[in-house]
Amino acid sequence: MTANPTDVIRDFYDKLATGDAPGALGLMAPDIEWTTMWHYTVEGRGPGPVAEGLFKPLMAEWTSFSLVPTEFVTEAETVVSLGDFKGVHGATGKTSEARYAHVWTVSGGRITTFRQYIDTLAIAQARI
């Protein structure tokens, strides 16, 4: 039995929260399309480009960060998670708190697309 889409996305956030990046990447379809709305760029499709273009630079730039979903809205294979990004920027030591909306598509128990919408001003202010 395939997990429902909301459970897959909750599992993704849980894995990130415990530092299990390989487990989070393992929830992705081999051809996942990942779209970010800030300065990280995922070039190409698949978990490898997500790790290289997002996970590695994110962990290098922020000394600590968390993504805390506060609400899930699900319609068929689409899951929207609303929540909070909180992080401490490594170079400036400034704290950022930014609201986000993540739009996910889950098919066959795997994440196939991701689109990010985030308060980019709140992020930018921590970087300067």
N, C-alpha and C. Protein backbone atom coordinates (compact mmCIF):
# COMPACT_ATOMS: atom_id res chain seq x y z
N MET A 1 0.84 -1.19 0.00
CA MET A 1 0.00 0.00 0.00
C MET A 1 0.88 1.25 0.00
N THR A 2 0.58 2.18 -0.87
CA THR A 2 1.34 3.42 -0.98
C THR A 2 0.87 4.42 0.06
N ALA A 3 1.82 5.09 0.70
CA ALA A 3 1.48 6.11 1.70
C ALA A 3 0.73 7.26 1.02
N ASN A 4 -0.15 7.89 1.78
CA ASN A 4 -0.86 9.02 1.18
C ASN A 4 0.11 10.21 1.03
N PRO A 5 -0.18 11.12 0.10
CA PRO A 5 0.75 12.21 -0.19
C PRO A 5 1.14 13.05 1.03
N THR A 6 0.21 13.34 1.91
CA THR A 6 0.53 14.16 3.08
C THR A 6 1.51 13.43 3.99
N ASP A 7 1.33 12.13 4.16
CA ASP A 7 2.26 11.35 4.99
C ASP A 7 3.67 11.37 4.42
N VAL A 8 3.79 11.29 3.09
CA VAL A 8 5.11 11.33 2.45
C VAL A 8 5.79 12.66 2.74
N ILE A 9 5.04 13.75 2.64
CA ILE A 9 5.63 15.08 2.87
C ILE A 9 5.96 15.27 4.35
N ARG A 10 5.11 14.82 5.23
CA ARG A 10 5.44 14.88 6.67
C ARG A 10 6.72 14.10 6.95
N ASP A 11 6.85 12.94 6.32
CA ASP A 11 8.05 12.12 6.50
C ASP A 11 9.29 12.87 6.00
N PHE A 12 9.16 13.58 4.88
CA PHE A 12 10.27 14.37 4.35
C PHE A 12 10.74 15.40 5.38
N TYR A 13 9.80 16.19 5.92
CA TYR A 13 10.17 17.20 6.93
C TYR A 13 10.76 16.54 8.18
N ASP A 14 10.19 15.41 8.60
CA ASP A 14 10.71 14.71 9.78
C ASP A 14 12.16 14.25 9.55
N LYS A 15 12.43 13.75 8.36
CA LYS A 15 13.79 13.30 8.05
C LYS A 15 14.76 14.48 8.06
N LEU A 16 14.36 15.61 7.49
CA LEU A 16 15.23 16.80 7.52
C LEU A 16 15.47 17.25 8.95
N ALA A 17 14.43 17.22 9.78
CA ALA A 17 14.55 17.69 11.16
C ALA A 17 15.52 16.85 11.98
N THR A 18 15.66 15.58 11.62
CA THR A 18 16.59 14.70 12.35
C THR A 18 17.94 14.58 11.66
N GLY A 19 18.15 15.36 10.60
CA GLY A 19 19.44 15.35 9.90
C GLY A 19 19.60 14.18 8.94
N ASP A 20 18.51 13.52 8.58
CA ASP A 20 18.57 12.38 7.67
C ASP A 20 18.38 12.83 6.23
N ALA A 21 19.38 13.55 5.69
CA ALA A 21 19.29 14.02 4.30
C ALA A 21 19.19 12.85 3.32
N PRO A 22 19.96 11.75 3.49
CA PRO A 22 19.80 10.63 2.55
C PRO A 22 18.37 10.06 2.57
N GLY A 23 17.76 10.00 3.74
CA GLY A 23 16.39 9.51 3.84
C GLY A 23 15.42 10.44 3.13
N ALA A 24 15.62 11.75 3.28
CA ALA A 24 14.77 12.73 2.59
C ALA A 24 14.93 12.61 1.08
N LEU A 25 16.18 12.48 0.62
CA LEU A 25 16.43 12.32 -0.81
C LEU A 25 15.80 11.03 -1.33
N GLY A 26 15.76 10.01 -0.49
CA GLY A 26 15.18 8.73 -0.87
C GLY A 26 13.68 8.76 -1.10
N LEU A 27 13.02 9.81 -0.63
CA LEU A 27 11.58 9.95 -0.86
C LEU A 27 11.27 10.57 -2.22
N MET A 28 12.31 11.00 -2.93
CA MET A 28 12.13 11.68 -4.21
C MET A 28 12.12 10.70 -5.37
N ALA A 29 11.32 11.02 -6.38
CA ALA A 29 11.34 10.27 -7.63
C ALA A 29 12.68 10.51 -8.32
N PRO A 30 13.15 9.56 -9.11
CA PRO A 30 14.44 9.72 -9.78
C PRO A 30 14.50 10.93 -10.71
N ASP A 31 13.34 11.41 -11.17
CA ASP A 31 13.32 12.56 -12.08
C ASP A 31 12.61 13.77 -11.45
N ILE A 32 12.70 13.90 -10.13
CA ILE A 32 12.03 15.02 -9.45
C ILE A 32 12.43 16.36 -10.07
N GLU A 33 11.46 17.24 -10.17
CA GLU A 33 11.70 18.61 -10.62
C GLU A 33 11.61 19.51 -9.39
N TRP A 34 12.68 20.25 -9.08
CA TRP A 34 12.78 21.03 -7.86
C TRP A 34 12.97 22.50 -8.22
N THR A 35 12.05 23.36 -7.79
CA THR A 35 12.11 24.79 -8.10
C THR A 35 12.18 25.59 -6.81
N THR A 36 13.25 26.37 -6.65
CA THR A 36 13.39 27.23 -5.47
C THR A 36 13.14 28.68 -5.87
N MET A 37 12.81 29.50 -4.87
CA MET A 37 12.50 30.90 -5.12
C MET A 37 13.56 31.84 -4.54
N TRP A 38 14.71 31.30 -4.17
CA TRP A 38 15.75 32.18 -3.68
C TRP A 38 17.06 31.81 -4.31
N HIS A 39 18.18 32.13 -3.73
CA HIS A 39 19.46 32.10 -4.43
C HIS A 39 20.05 30.72 -4.67
N TYR A 40 19.47 29.66 -4.20
CA TYR A 40 19.96 28.32 -4.52
C TYR A 40 19.32 27.87 -5.83
N THR A 41 20.11 27.18 -6.65
CA THR A 41 19.62 26.74 -7.95
C THR A 41 19.85 25.25 -8.11
N VAL A 42 18.79 24.53 -8.40
CA VAL A 42 18.88 23.11 -8.68
C VAL A 42 18.86 22.96 -10.19
N GLU A 43 19.99 22.53 -10.74
CA GLU A 43 20.12 22.38 -12.18
C GLU A 43 19.90 20.93 -12.56
N GLY A 44 18.91 20.67 -13.36
CA GLY A 44 18.60 19.31 -13.76
C GLY A 44 17.55 18.69 -12.86
N ARG A 45 17.30 17.42 -13.12
CA ARG A 45 16.26 16.71 -12.38
C ARG A 45 16.88 15.55 -11.62
N GLY A 46 16.27 15.24 -10.48
CA GLY A 46 16.69 14.09 -9.70
C GLY A 46 17.22 14.48 -8.33
N PRO A 47 17.29 13.50 -7.43
CA PRO A 47 17.79 13.76 -6.07
C PRO A 47 19.23 14.27 -6.04
N GLY A 48 20.08 13.82 -6.95
CA GLY A 48 21.47 14.28 -6.98
C GLY A 48 21.58 15.78 -7.16
N PRO A 49 20.93 16.35 -8.17
CA PRO A 49 20.95 17.80 -8.33
C PRO A 49 20.35 18.55 -7.14
N VAL A 50 19.34 17.97 -6.47
CA VAL A 50 18.77 18.61 -5.28
C VAL A 50 19.82 18.64 -4.16
N ALA A 51 20.52 17.54 -3.98
CA ALA A 51 21.58 17.49 -2.95
C ALA A 51 22.67 18.51 -3.26
N GLU A 52 23.11 18.57 -4.51
CA GLU A 52 24.22 19.47 -4.90
C GLU A 52 23.80 20.94 -4.92
N GLY A 53 22.61 21.22 -5.45
CA GLY A 53 22.18 22.61 -5.65
C GLY A 53 21.48 23.23 -4.46
N LEU A 54 20.98 22.39 -3.54
CA LEU A 54 20.24 22.93 -2.40
C LEU A 54 20.79 22.46 -1.06
N PHE A 55 20.79 21.16 -0.82
CA PHE A 55 21.15 20.66 0.51
C PHE A 55 22.57 21.06 0.90
N LYS A 56 23.55 20.82 0.04
CA LYS A 56 24.94 21.13 0.39
C LYS A 56 25.17 22.62 0.61
N PRO A 57 24.74 23.50 -0.32
CA PRO A 57 24.97 24.93 -0.06
C PRO A 57 24.16 25.47 1.12
N LEU A 58 22.97 24.95 1.33
CA LEU A 58 22.15 25.39 2.46
C LEU A 58 22.86 25.05 3.78
N MET A 59 23.38 23.85 3.89
CA MET A 59 24.07 23.45 5.11
C MET A 59 25.39 24.20 5.28
N ALA A 60 26.02 24.58 4.17
CA ALA A 60 27.27 25.34 4.26
C ALA A 60 27.03 26.79 4.67
N GLU A 61 25.92 27.37 4.24
CA GLU A 61 25.66 28.78 4.50
C GLU A 61 25.07 29.05 5.88
N TRP A 62 24.23 28.15 6.38
CA TRP A 62 23.51 28.37 7.64
C TRP A 62 24.10 27.46 8.71
N THR A 63 24.45 28.04 9.88
CA THR A 63 25.00 27.22 10.96
C THR A 63 23.91 26.34 11.57
N SER A 64 22.68 26.80 11.52
CA SER A 64 21.54 25.98 11.91
C SER A 64 20.31 26.50 11.18
N PHE A 65 19.40 25.60 10.91
CA PHE A 65 18.14 26.01 10.28
C PHE A 65 17.10 24.92 10.52
N SER A 66 15.85 25.31 10.42
CA SER A 66 14.75 24.35 10.51
C SER A 66 13.62 24.80 9.60
N LEU A 67 12.90 23.81 9.11
CA LEU A 67 11.66 24.03 8.37
C LEU A 67 10.57 23.39 9.20
N VAL A 68 9.65 24.22 9.67
CA VAL A 68 8.60 23.72 10.56
C VAL A 68 7.25 23.94 9.90
N PRO A 69 6.68 22.87 9.33
CA PRO A 69 5.35 23.02 8.73
C PRO A 69 4.30 23.20 9.82
N THR A 70 3.37 24.11 9.56
CA THR A 70 2.30 24.37 10.52
C THR A 70 0.92 23.98 9.98
N GLU A 71 0.85 23.76 8.67
CA GLU A 71 -0.45 23.43 8.06
C GLU A 71 -0.21 22.68 6.76
N PHE A 72 -1.07 21.72 6.47
CA PHE A 72 -1.03 20.98 5.21
C PHE A 72 -2.40 21.08 4.55
N VAL A 73 -2.39 21.34 3.26
CA VAL A 73 -3.61 21.36 2.45
C VAL A 73 -3.37 20.38 1.31
N THR A 74 -4.24 19.37 1.18
CA THR A 74 -4.03 18.32 0.20
C THR A 74 -5.22 18.20 -0.73
N GLU A 75 -4.92 18.09 -2.00
CA GLU A 75 -5.93 17.83 -3.03
C GLU A 75 -5.32 16.80 -3.98
N ALA A 76 -5.84 15.59 -3.95
CA ALA A 76 -5.33 14.48 -4.78
C ALA A 76 -3.83 14.30 -4.52
N GLU A 77 -2.99 14.46 -5.55
CA GLU A 77 -1.55 14.24 -5.41
C GLU A 77 -0.78 15.50 -5.00
N THR A 78 -1.47 16.62 -4.86
CA THR A 78 -0.83 17.89 -4.52
C THR A 78 -0.95 18.17 -3.03
N VAL A 79 0.17 18.52 -2.42
CA VAL A 79 0.20 18.88 -1.01
C VAL A 79 0.84 20.26 -0.90
N VAL A 80 0.16 21.19 -0.23
CA VAL A 80 0.72 22.49 0.08
C VAL A 80 1.03 22.50 1.56
N SER A 81 2.28 22.79 1.89
CA SER A 81 2.64 22.92 3.30
C SER A 81 2.98 24.38 3.56
N LEU A 82 2.41 24.91 4.62
CA LEU A 82 2.69 26.27 5.07
C LEU A 82 3.49 26.16 6.34
N GLY A 83 4.48 27.01 6.51
CA GLY A 83 5.28 26.90 7.72
C GLY A 83 6.31 27.99 7.86
N ASP A 84 7.30 27.69 8.69
CA ASP A 84 8.32 28.67 9.06
C ASP A 84 9.72 28.13 8.84
N PHE A 85 10.55 28.93 8.18
CA PHE A 85 11.99 28.68 8.10
C PHE A 85 12.62 29.51 9.21
N LYS A 86 13.49 28.90 9.99
CA LYS A 86 14.25 29.62 11.00
C LYS A 86 15.69 29.19 10.85
N GLY A 87 16.59 30.17 10.81
CA GLY A 87 17.99 29.82 10.64
C GLY A 87 18.92 30.89 11.16
N VAL A 88 20.16 30.48 11.42
CA VAL A 88 21.23 31.39 11.81
C VAL A 88 22.25 31.36 10.67
N HIS A 89 22.50 32.53 10.09
CA HIS A 89 23.41 32.62 8.96
C HIS A 89 24.85 32.50 9.45
N GLY A 90 25.62 31.65 8.79
CA GLY A 90 26.99 31.38 9.22
C GLY A 90 27.92 32.57 9.15
N ALA A 91 27.85 33.36 8.10
CA ALA A 91 28.78 34.48 7.92
C ALA A 91 28.42 35.69 8.77
N THR A 92 27.12 35.96 8.92
CA THR A 92 26.71 37.18 9.63
C THR A 92 26.31 36.92 11.08
N GLY A 93 25.94 35.69 11.40
CA GLY A 93 25.44 35.37 12.73
C GLY A 93 24.03 35.85 12.97
N LYS A 94 23.40 36.43 11.94
CA LYS A 94 22.03 36.93 12.08
C LYS A 94 21.02 35.80 11.97
N THR A 95 19.93 35.96 12.70
CA THR A 95 18.84 35.00 12.67
C THR A 95 17.80 35.44 11.65
N SER A 96 17.27 34.47 10.93
CA SER A 96 16.20 34.74 9.97
C SER A 96 14.99 33.90 10.34
N GLU A 97 13.84 34.52 10.25
CA GLU A 97 12.57 33.82 10.38
C GLU A 97 11.73 34.22 9.19
N ALA A 98 11.37 33.23 8.37
CA ALA A 98 10.65 33.51 7.14
C ALA A 98 9.50 32.53 6.97
N ARG A 99 8.34 33.03 6.61
CA ARG A 99 7.19 32.17 6.31
C ARG A 99 7.40 31.58 4.92
N TYR A 100 6.90 30.36 4.73
CA TYR A 100 7.01 29.73 3.41
C TYR A 100 5.73 29.01 3.04
N ALA A 101 5.59 28.78 1.75
CA ALA A 101 4.60 27.86 1.20
C ALA A 101 5.37 26.93 0.27
N HIS A 102 5.22 25.64 0.48
CA HIS A 102 5.83 24.64 -0.39
C HIS A 102 4.71 23.88 -1.09
N VAL A 103 4.84 23.72 -2.39
CA VAL A 103 3.84 23.00 -3.17
C VAL A 103 4.51 21.73 -3.70
N TRP A 104 3.98 20.60 -3.29
CA TRP A 104 4.55 19.29 -3.61
C TRP A 104 3.58 18.49 -4.46
N THR A 105 4.13 17.63 -5.31
CA THR A 105 3.32 16.62 -5.98
C THR A 105 3.92 15.27 -5.63
N VAL A 106 3.06 14.35 -5.22
CA VAL A 106 3.49 13.01 -4.83
C VAL A 106 2.74 12.01 -5.70
N SER A 107 3.49 11.12 -6.33
CA SER A 107 2.88 10.11 -7.18
C SER A 107 3.53 8.76 -6.88
N GLY A 108 2.72 7.76 -6.62
CA GLY A 108 3.25 6.44 -6.33
C GLY A 108 4.14 6.41 -5.09
N GLY A 109 3.85 7.28 -4.13
CA GLY A 109 4.62 7.31 -2.89
C GLY A 109 5.95 8.05 -2.99
N ARG A 110 6.23 8.68 -4.13
CA ARG A 110 7.47 9.44 -4.33
C ARG A 110 7.16 10.89 -4.67
N ILE A 111 8.03 11.78 -4.20
CA ILE A 111 7.87 13.21 -4.50
C ILE A 111 8.34 13.44 -5.93
N THR A 112 7.46 14.01 -6.77
CA THR A 112 7.80 14.22 -8.18
C THR A 112 8.07 15.67 -8.53
N THR A 113 7.46 16.61 -7.80
CA THR A 113 7.76 18.03 -8.02
C THR A 113 7.72 18.78 -6.70
N PHE A 114 8.48 19.87 -6.66
CA PHE A 114 8.52 20.77 -5.51
C PHE A 114 8.64 22.19 -6.03
N ARG A 115 7.84 23.09 -5.47
CA ARG A 115 7.93 24.52 -5.76
C ARG A 115 7.94 25.27 -4.44
N GLN A 116 8.87 26.20 -4.31
CA GLN A 116 9.04 26.93 -3.06
C GLN A 116 8.63 28.40 -3.23
N TYR A 117 7.93 28.90 -2.24
CA TYR A 117 7.58 30.32 -2.14
C TYR A 117 7.96 30.71 -0.72
N ILE A 118 8.81 31.74 -0.58
CA ILE A 118 9.33 32.09 0.75
C ILE A 118 9.53 33.60 0.83
N ASP A 119 9.53 34.11 2.03
CA ASP A 119 9.78 35.53 2.28
C ASP A 119 11.26 35.80 2.02
N THR A 120 11.59 36.12 0.77
CA THR A 120 12.99 36.29 0.39
C THR A 120 13.64 37.51 1.07
N LEU A 121 12.86 38.52 1.42
CA LEU A 121 13.43 39.68 2.11
C LEU A 121 13.95 39.26 3.48
N ALA A 122 13.21 38.44 4.19
CA ALA A 122 13.65 37.99 5.52
C ALA A 122 14.95 37.19 5.41
N ILE A 123 15.08 36.41 4.36
CA ILE A 123 16.31 35.64 4.12
C ILE A 123 17.45 36.60 3.78
N ALA A 124 17.20 37.52 2.87
CA ALA A 124 18.25 38.45 2.41
C ALA A 124 18.77 39.30 3.56
N GLN A 125 17.91 39.73 4.47
CA GLN A 125 18.35 40.57 5.59
C GLN A 125 19.31 39.84 6.52
N ALA A 126 19.20 38.55 6.61
CA ALA A 126 20.14 37.78 7.45
C ALA A 126 21.49 37.60 6.77
N ARG A 127 21.53 37.76 5.45
CA ARG A 127 22.75 37.53 4.68
C ARG A 127 23.63 38.77 4.58
N ILE A 128 23.12 39.95 5.00
CA ILE A 128 23.93 41.18 4.87
C ILE A 128 24.28 41.77 6.23
